[in-house]
Amino acid sequence: GSNITSNLLHNEIEKSNIYLMENE
């Protein structure tokens, strides 16, 4: 999860969908 945030912040992504694992 932290790596994904790092990716968003580093690449200056303003909007995104995050798909979570089902039934977990």
PDB file of all heavy atoms in Angstrom:
ATOM      1  N   GLY A   1       0.820  -1.214   0.000  1.00  0.00           N
ATOM      2  CA  GLY A   1       0.000   0.000   0.000  1.00  0.00           C
ATOM      3  C   GLY A   1       0.846   1.253   0.000  1.00  0.00           C
ATOM      4  O   GLY A   1       0.578   2.212  -0.730  1.00  0.00           O
ATOM      5  N   SER A   2       1.912   1.250   0.781  1.00  0.00           N
ATOM      6  CA  SER A   2       2.823   2.389   0.839  1.00  0.00           C
ATOM      7  C   SER A   2       3.511   2.612  -0.502  1.00  0.00           C
ATOM      8  O   SER A   2       3.681   3.752  -0.946  1.00  0.00           O
ATOM      9  CB  SER A   2       3.861   2.152   1.941  1.00  0.00           C
ATOM     10  OG  SER A   2       4.782   3.179   1.989  1.00  0.00           O
ATOM     11  N   ASN A   3       3.897   1.530  -1.168  1.00  0.00           N
ATOM     12  CA  ASN A   3       4.531   1.640  -2.486  1.00  0.00           C
ATOM     13  C   ASN A   3       3.590   2.263  -3.514  1.00  0.00           C
ATOM     14  O   ASN A   3       4.019   3.030  -4.371  1.00  0.00           O
ATOM     15  CB  ASN A   3       4.999   0.273  -2.983  1.00  0.00           C
ATOM     16  CG  ASN A   3       6.246  -0.202  -2.286  1.00  0.00           C
ATOM     17  OD1 ASN A   3       6.855   0.527  -1.512  1.00  0.00           O
ATOM     18  ND2 ASN A   3       6.621  -1.438  -2.531  1.00  0.00           N
ATOM     19  N   ILE A   4       2.323   1.933  -3.427  1.00  0.00           N
ATOM     20  CA  ILE A   4       1.355   2.506  -4.361  1.00  0.00           C
ATOM     21  C   ILE A   4       1.220   4.007  -4.121  1.00  0.00           C
ATOM     22  O   ILE A   4       1.195   4.798  -5.065  1.00  0.00           O
ATOM     23  CB  ILE A   4      -0.002   1.777  -4.262  1.00  0.00           C
ATOM     24  CG1 ILE A   4       0.155   0.382  -4.873  1.00  0.00           C
ATOM     25  CG2 ILE A   4      -1.103   2.561  -4.953  1.00  0.00           C
ATOM     26  CD1 ILE A   4      -1.042  -0.497  -4.768  1.00  0.00           C
ATOM     27  N   THR A   5       1.159   4.418  -2.860  1.00  0.00           N
ATOM     28  CA  THR A   5       1.105   5.853  -2.561  1.00  0.00           C
ATOM     29  C   THR A   5       2.353   6.547  -3.084  1.00  0.00           C
ATOM     30  O   THR A   5       2.270   7.629  -3.671  1.00  0.00           O
ATOM     31  CB  THR A   5       0.975   6.092  -1.048  1.00  0.00           C
ATOM     32  OG1 THR A   5      -0.178   5.421  -0.581  1.00  0.00           O
ATOM     33  CG2 THR A   5       0.864   7.569  -0.736  1.00  0.00           C
ATOM     34  N   SER A   6       3.501   5.935  -2.893  1.00  0.00           N
ATOM     35  CA  SER A   6       4.749   6.502  -3.388  1.00  0.00           C
ATOM     36  C   SER A   6       4.680   6.696  -4.899  1.00  0.00           C
ATOM     37  O   SER A   6       5.091   7.733  -5.426  1.00  0.00           O
ATOM     38  CB  SER A   6       5.907   5.582  -3.020  1.00  0.00           C
ATOM     39  OG  SER A   6       7.109   6.091  -3.487  1.00  0.00           O
ATOM     40  N   ASN A   7       4.135   5.718  -5.591  1.00  0.00           N
ATOM     41  CA  ASN A   7       3.965   5.801  -7.048  1.00  0.00           C
ATOM     42  C   ASN A   7       3.057   6.971  -7.414  1.00  0.00           C
ATOM     43  O   ASN A   7       3.355   7.752  -8.308  1.00  0.00           O
ATOM     44  CB  ASN A   7       3.400   4.476  -7.570  1.00  0.00           C
ATOM     45  CG  ASN A   7       3.389   4.390  -9.078  1.00  0.00           C
ATOM     46  OD1 ASN A   7       3.107   5.355  -9.780  1.00  0.00           O
ATOM     47  ND2 ASN A   7       3.672   3.210  -9.579  1.00  0.00           N
ATOM     48  N   LEU A   8       1.936   7.119  -6.691  1.00  0.00           N
ATOM     49  CA  LEU A   8       1.003   8.222  -6.954  1.00  0.00           C
ATOM     50  C   LEU A   8       1.666   9.575  -6.729  1.00  0.00           C
ATOM     51  O   LEU A   8       1.522  10.491  -7.536  1.00  0.00           O
ATOM     52  CB  LEU A   8      -0.223   8.126  -6.042  1.00  0.00           C
ATOM     53  CG  LEU A   8      -1.235   7.037  -6.300  1.00  0.00           C
ATOM     54  CD1 LEU A   8      -2.279   7.028  -5.192  1.00  0.00           C
ATOM     55  CD2 LEU A   8      -1.890   7.224  -7.633  1.00  0.00           C
ATOM     56  N   LEU A   9       2.390   9.705  -5.630  1.00  0.00           N
ATOM     57  CA  LEU A   9       3.014  10.977  -5.290  1.00  0.00           C
ATOM     58  C   LEU A   9       4.184  11.300  -6.222  1.00  0.00           C
ATOM     59  O   LEU A   9       4.327  12.426  -6.682  1.00  0.00           O
ATOM     60  CB  LEU A   9       3.480  10.972  -3.832  1.00  0.00           C
ATOM     61  CG  LEU A   9       2.367  10.847  -2.783  1.00  0.00           C
ATOM     62  CD1 LEU A   9       2.958  10.659  -1.393  1.00  0.00           C
ATOM     63  CD2 LEU A   9       1.441  12.032  -2.821  1.00  0.00           C
ATOM     64  N   HIS A  10       4.989  10.311  -6.509  1.00  0.00           N
ATOM     65  CA  HIS A  10       6.156  10.516  -7.367  1.00  0.00           C
ATOM     66  C   HIS A  10       5.750  10.900  -8.789  1.00  0.00           C
ATOM     67  O   HIS A  10       6.363  11.753  -9.409  1.00  0.00           O
ATOM     68  CB  HIS A  10       7.022   9.255  -7.391  1.00  0.00           C
ATOM     69  CG  HIS A  10       8.207   9.351  -8.294  1.00  0.00           C
ATOM     70  ND1 HIS A  10       9.308  10.107  -7.975  1.00  0.00           N
ATOM     71  CD2 HIS A  10       8.450   8.810  -9.506  1.00  0.00           C
ATOM     72  CE1 HIS A  10      10.184  10.022  -8.962  1.00  0.00           C
ATOM     73  NE2 HIS A  10       9.690   9.243  -9.897  1.00  0.00           N
ATOM     74  N   ASN A  11       4.704  10.264  -9.302  1.00  0.00           N
ATOM     75  CA  ASN A  11       4.252  10.527 -10.669  1.00  0.00           C
ATOM     76  C   ASN A  11       3.191  11.617 -10.745  1.00  0.00           C
ATOM     77  O   ASN A  11       2.607  11.838 -11.801  1.00  0.00           O
ATOM     78  CB  ASN A  11       3.739   9.241 -11.321  1.00  0.00           C
ATOM     79  CG  ASN A  11       4.857   8.239 -11.505  1.00  0.00           C
ATOM     80  OD1 ASN A  11       5.922   8.574 -11.989  1.00  0.00           O
ATOM     81  ND2 ASN A  11       4.620   7.009 -11.082  1.00  0.00           N
ATOM     82  N   GLU A  12       2.924  12.266  -9.605  1.00  0.00           N
ATOM     83  CA  GLU A  12       1.958  13.363  -9.525  1.00  0.00           C
ATOM     84  C   GLU A  12       0.598  12.989 -10.126  1.00  0.00           C
ATOM     85  O   GLU A  12       0.011  13.741 -10.897  1.00  0.00           O
ATOM     86  CB  GLU A  12       2.528  14.620 -10.176  1.00  0.00           C
ATOM     87  CG  GLU A  12       3.778  15.106  -9.466  1.00  0.00           C
ATOM     88  CD  GLU A  12       4.371  16.360 -10.076  1.00  0.00           C
ATOM     89  OE1 GLU A  12       3.749  16.955 -10.963  1.00  0.00           O
ATOM     90  OE2 GLU A  12       5.470  16.733  -9.645  1.00  0.00           O
ATOM     91  N   ILE A  13       0.130  11.823  -9.760  1.00  0.00           N
ATOM     92  CA  ILE A  13      -1.176  11.351 -10.219  1.00  0.00           C
ATOM     93  C   ILE A  13      -2.238  11.968  -9.318  1.00  0.00           C
ATOM     94  O   ILE A  13      -2.222  11.777  -8.106  1.00  0.00           O
ATOM     95  CB  ILE A  13      -1.238   9.809 -10.184  1.00  0.00           C
ATOM     96  CG1 ILE A  13      -0.190   9.229 -11.139  1.00  0.00           C
ATOM     97  CG2 ILE A  13      -2.633   9.311 -10.521  1.00  0.00           C
ATOM     98  CD1 ILE A  13       0.015   7.739 -11.013  1.00  0.00           C
ATOM     99  N   GLU A  14      -3.156  12.719  -9.906  1.00  0.00           N
ATOM    100  CA  GLU A  14      -4.174  13.442  -9.138  1.00  0.00           C
ATOM    101  C   GLU A  14      -5.410  12.590  -8.843  1.00  0.00           C
ATOM    102  O   GLU A  14      -6.034  12.728  -7.803  1.00  0.00           O
ATOM    103  CB  GLU A  14      -4.601  14.713  -9.879  1.00  0.00           C
ATOM    104  CG  GLU A  14      -3.469  15.705 -10.087  1.00  0.00           C
ATOM    105  CD  GLU A  14      -2.841  16.188  -8.802  1.00  0.00           C
ATOM    106  OE1 GLU A  14      -3.575  16.447  -7.837  1.00  0.00           O
ATOM    107  OE2 GLU A  14      -1.602  16.282  -8.755  1.00  0.00           O
ATOM    108  N   LYS A  15      -5.807  11.737  -9.798  1.00  0.00           N
ATOM    109  CA  LYS A  15      -7.016  10.922  -9.644  1.00  0.00           C
ATOM    110  C   LYS A  15      -6.694   9.486 -10.031  1.00  0.00           C
ATOM    111  O   LYS A  15      -5.974   9.247 -10.997  1.00  0.00           O
ATOM    112  CB  LYS A  15      -8.126  11.408 -10.580  1.00  0.00           C
ATOM    113  CG  LYS A  15      -8.597  12.808 -10.332  1.00  0.00           C
ATOM    114  CD  LYS A  15      -9.630  13.178 -11.375  1.00  0.00           C
ATOM    115  CE  LYS A  15     -10.073  14.613 -11.226  1.00  0.00           C
ATOM    116  NZ  LYS A  15     -11.004  14.994 -12.292  1.00  0.00           N
ATOM    117  N   SER A  16      -7.271   8.551  -9.279  1.00  0.00           N
ATOM    118  CA  SER A  16      -7.069   7.153  -9.640  1.00  0.00           C
ATOM    119  C   SER A  16      -8.136   6.267  -9.013  1.00  0.00           C
ATOM    120  O   SER A  16      -8.773   6.627  -8.026  1.00  0.00           O
ATOM    121  CB  SER A  16      -5.678   6.672  -9.228  1.00  0.00           C
ATOM    122  OG  SER A  16      -5.555   6.728  -7.838  1.00  0.00           O
ATOM    123  N   ASN A  17      -8.331   5.128  -9.629  1.00  0.00           N
ATOM    124  CA  ASN A  17      -9.150   4.044  -9.090  1.00  0.00           C
ATOM    125  C   ASN A  17      -8.192   3.044  -8.456  1.00  0.00           C
ATOM    126  O   ASN A  17      -7.147   2.746  -9.033  1.00  0.00           O
ATOM    127  CB  ASN A  17      -9.884   3.307 -10.222  1.00  0.00           C
ATOM    128  CG  ASN A  17     -10.996   4.106 -10.841  1.00  0.00           C
ATOM    129  OD1 ASN A  17     -12.002   4.360 -10.210  1.00  0.00           O
ATOM    130  ND2 ASN A  17     -10.824   4.500 -12.094  1.00  0.00           N
ATOM    131  N   ILE A  18      -8.542   2.531  -7.294  1.00  0.00           N
ATOM    132  CA  ILE A  18      -7.763   1.450  -6.689  1.00  0.00           C
ATOM    133  C   ILE A  18      -8.719   0.287  -6.470  1.00  0.00           C
ATOM    134  O   ILE A  18      -9.726   0.413  -5.772  1.00  0.00           O
ATOM    135  CB  ILE A  18      -7.110   1.870  -5.361  1.00  0.00           C
ATOM    136  CG1 ILE A  18      -6.104   2.984  -5.621  1.00  0.00           C
ATOM    137  CG2 ILE A  18      -6.443   0.666  -4.709  1.00  0.00           C
ATOM    138  CD1 ILE A  18      -5.401   3.470  -4.402  1.00  0.00           C
ATOM    139  N   TYR A  19      -8.390  -0.826  -7.085  1.00  0.00           N
ATOM    140  CA  TYR A  19      -9.225  -2.013  -6.988  1.00  0.00           C
ATOM    141  C   TYR A  19      -8.703  -2.899  -5.868  1.00  0.00           C
ATOM    142  O   TYR A  19      -7.550  -3.333  -5.888  1.00  0.00           O
ATOM    143  CB  TYR A  19      -9.197  -2.773  -8.323  1.00  0.00           C
ATOM    144  CG  TYR A  19     -10.135  -3.938  -8.362  1.00  0.00           C
ATOM    145  CD1 TYR A  19     -11.459  -3.752  -8.740  1.00  0.00           C
ATOM    146  CD2 TYR A  19      -9.714  -5.207  -8.016  1.00  0.00           C
ATOM    147  CE1 TYR A  19     -12.339  -4.821  -8.768  1.00  0.00           C
ATOM    148  CE2 TYR A  19     -10.591  -6.276  -8.043  1.00  0.00           C
ATOM    149  CZ  TYR A  19     -11.902  -6.077  -8.425  1.00  0.00           C
ATOM    150  OH  TYR A  19     -12.769  -7.130  -8.452  1.00  0.00           O
ATOM    151  N   LEU A  20      -9.537  -3.154  -4.857  1.00  0.00           N
ATOM    152  CA  LEU A  20      -9.114  -3.982  -3.727  1.00  0.00           C
ATOM    153  C   LEU A  20      -9.461  -5.448  -3.962  1.00  0.00           C
ATOM    154  O   LEU A  20     -10.382  -5.767  -4.711  1.00  0.00           O
ATOM    155  CB  LEU A  20      -9.779  -3.500  -2.440  1.00  0.00           C
ATOM    156  CG  LEU A  20      -9.416  -2.093  -1.978  1.00  0.00           C
ATOM    157  CD1 LEU A  20     -10.121  -1.770  -0.674  1.00  0.00           C
ATOM    158  CD2 LEU A  20      -7.924  -1.920  -1.819  1.00  0.00           C
ATOM    159  N   MET A  21      -8.732  -6.311  -3.299  1.00  0.00           N
ATOM    160  CA  MET A  21      -8.942  -7.757  -3.417  1.00  0.00           C
ATOM    161  C   MET A  21     -10.311  -8.135  -2.864  1.00  0.00           C
ATOM    162  O   MET A  21     -10.706  -7.648  -1.803  1.00  0.00           O
ATOM    163  CB  MET A  21      -7.850  -8.497  -2.638  1.00  0.00           C
ATOM    164  CG  MET A  21      -6.459  -8.201  -3.125  1.00  0.00           C
ATOM    165  SD  MET A  21      -5.190  -8.694  -1.944  1.00  0.00           S
ATOM    166  CE  MET A  21      -5.146  -7.285  -0.850  1.00  0.00           C
ATOM    167  N   GLU A  22     -10.997  -9.007  -3.564  1.00  0.00           N
ATOM    168  CA  GLU A  22     -12.342  -9.395  -3.144  1.00  0.00           C
ATOM    169  C   GLU A  22     -12.311 -10.275  -1.902  1.00  0.00           C
ATOM    170  O   GLU A  22     -11.464 -11.146  -1.768  1.00  0.00           O
ATOM    171  CB  GLU A  22     -13.052 -10.135  -4.283  1.00  0.00           C
ATOM    172  CG  GLU A  22     -13.371  -9.228  -5.451  1.00  0.00           C
ATOM    173  CD  GLU A  22     -14.122  -9.931  -6.550  1.00  0.00           C
ATOM    174  OE1 GLU A  22     -14.707 -10.998  -6.295  1.00  0.00           O
ATOM    175  OE2 GLU A  22     -14.120  -9.392  -7.662  1.00  0.00           O
ATOM    176  N   ASN A  23     -13.257 -10.027  -1.006  1.00  0.00           N
ATOM    177  CA  ASN A  23     -13.488 -10.838   0.202  1.00  0.00           C
ATOM    178  C   ASN A  23     -12.268 -10.960   1.105  1.00  0.00           C
ATOM    179  O   ASN A  23     -12.084 -11.974   1.762  1.00  0.00           O
ATOM    180  CB  ASN A  23     -13.998 -12.232  -0.181  1.00  0.00           C
ATOM    181  CG  ASN A  23     -15.266 -12.161  -0.982  1.00  0.00           C
ATOM    182  OD1 ASN A  23     -16.155 -11.368  -0.680  1.00  0.00           O
ATOM    183  ND2 ASN A  23     -15.353 -12.968  -2.022  1.00  0.00           N
ATOM    184  N   GLU A  24     -11.444  -9.962   1.138  1.00  0.00           N
ATOM    185  CA  GLU A  24     -10.250  -9.954   1.996  1.00  0.00           C
ATOM    186  C   GLU A  24     -10.282  -8.720   2.882  1.00  0.00           C
ATOM    187  O   GLU A  24      -9.419  -7.847   2.777  1.00  0.00           O
ATOM    188  CB  GLU A  24      -8.978  -9.975   1.136  1.00  0.00           C
ATOM    189  CG  GLU A  24      -8.770 -11.210   0.315  1.00  0.00           C
ATOM    190  CD  GLU A  24      -8.401 -12.429   1.142  1.00  0.00           C
ATOM    191  OE1 GLU A  24      -8.053 -12.272   2.338  1.00  0.00           O
ATOM    192  OE2 GLU A  24      -8.467 -13.523   0.606  1.00  0.00           O
TER     193      GLU A  24
END
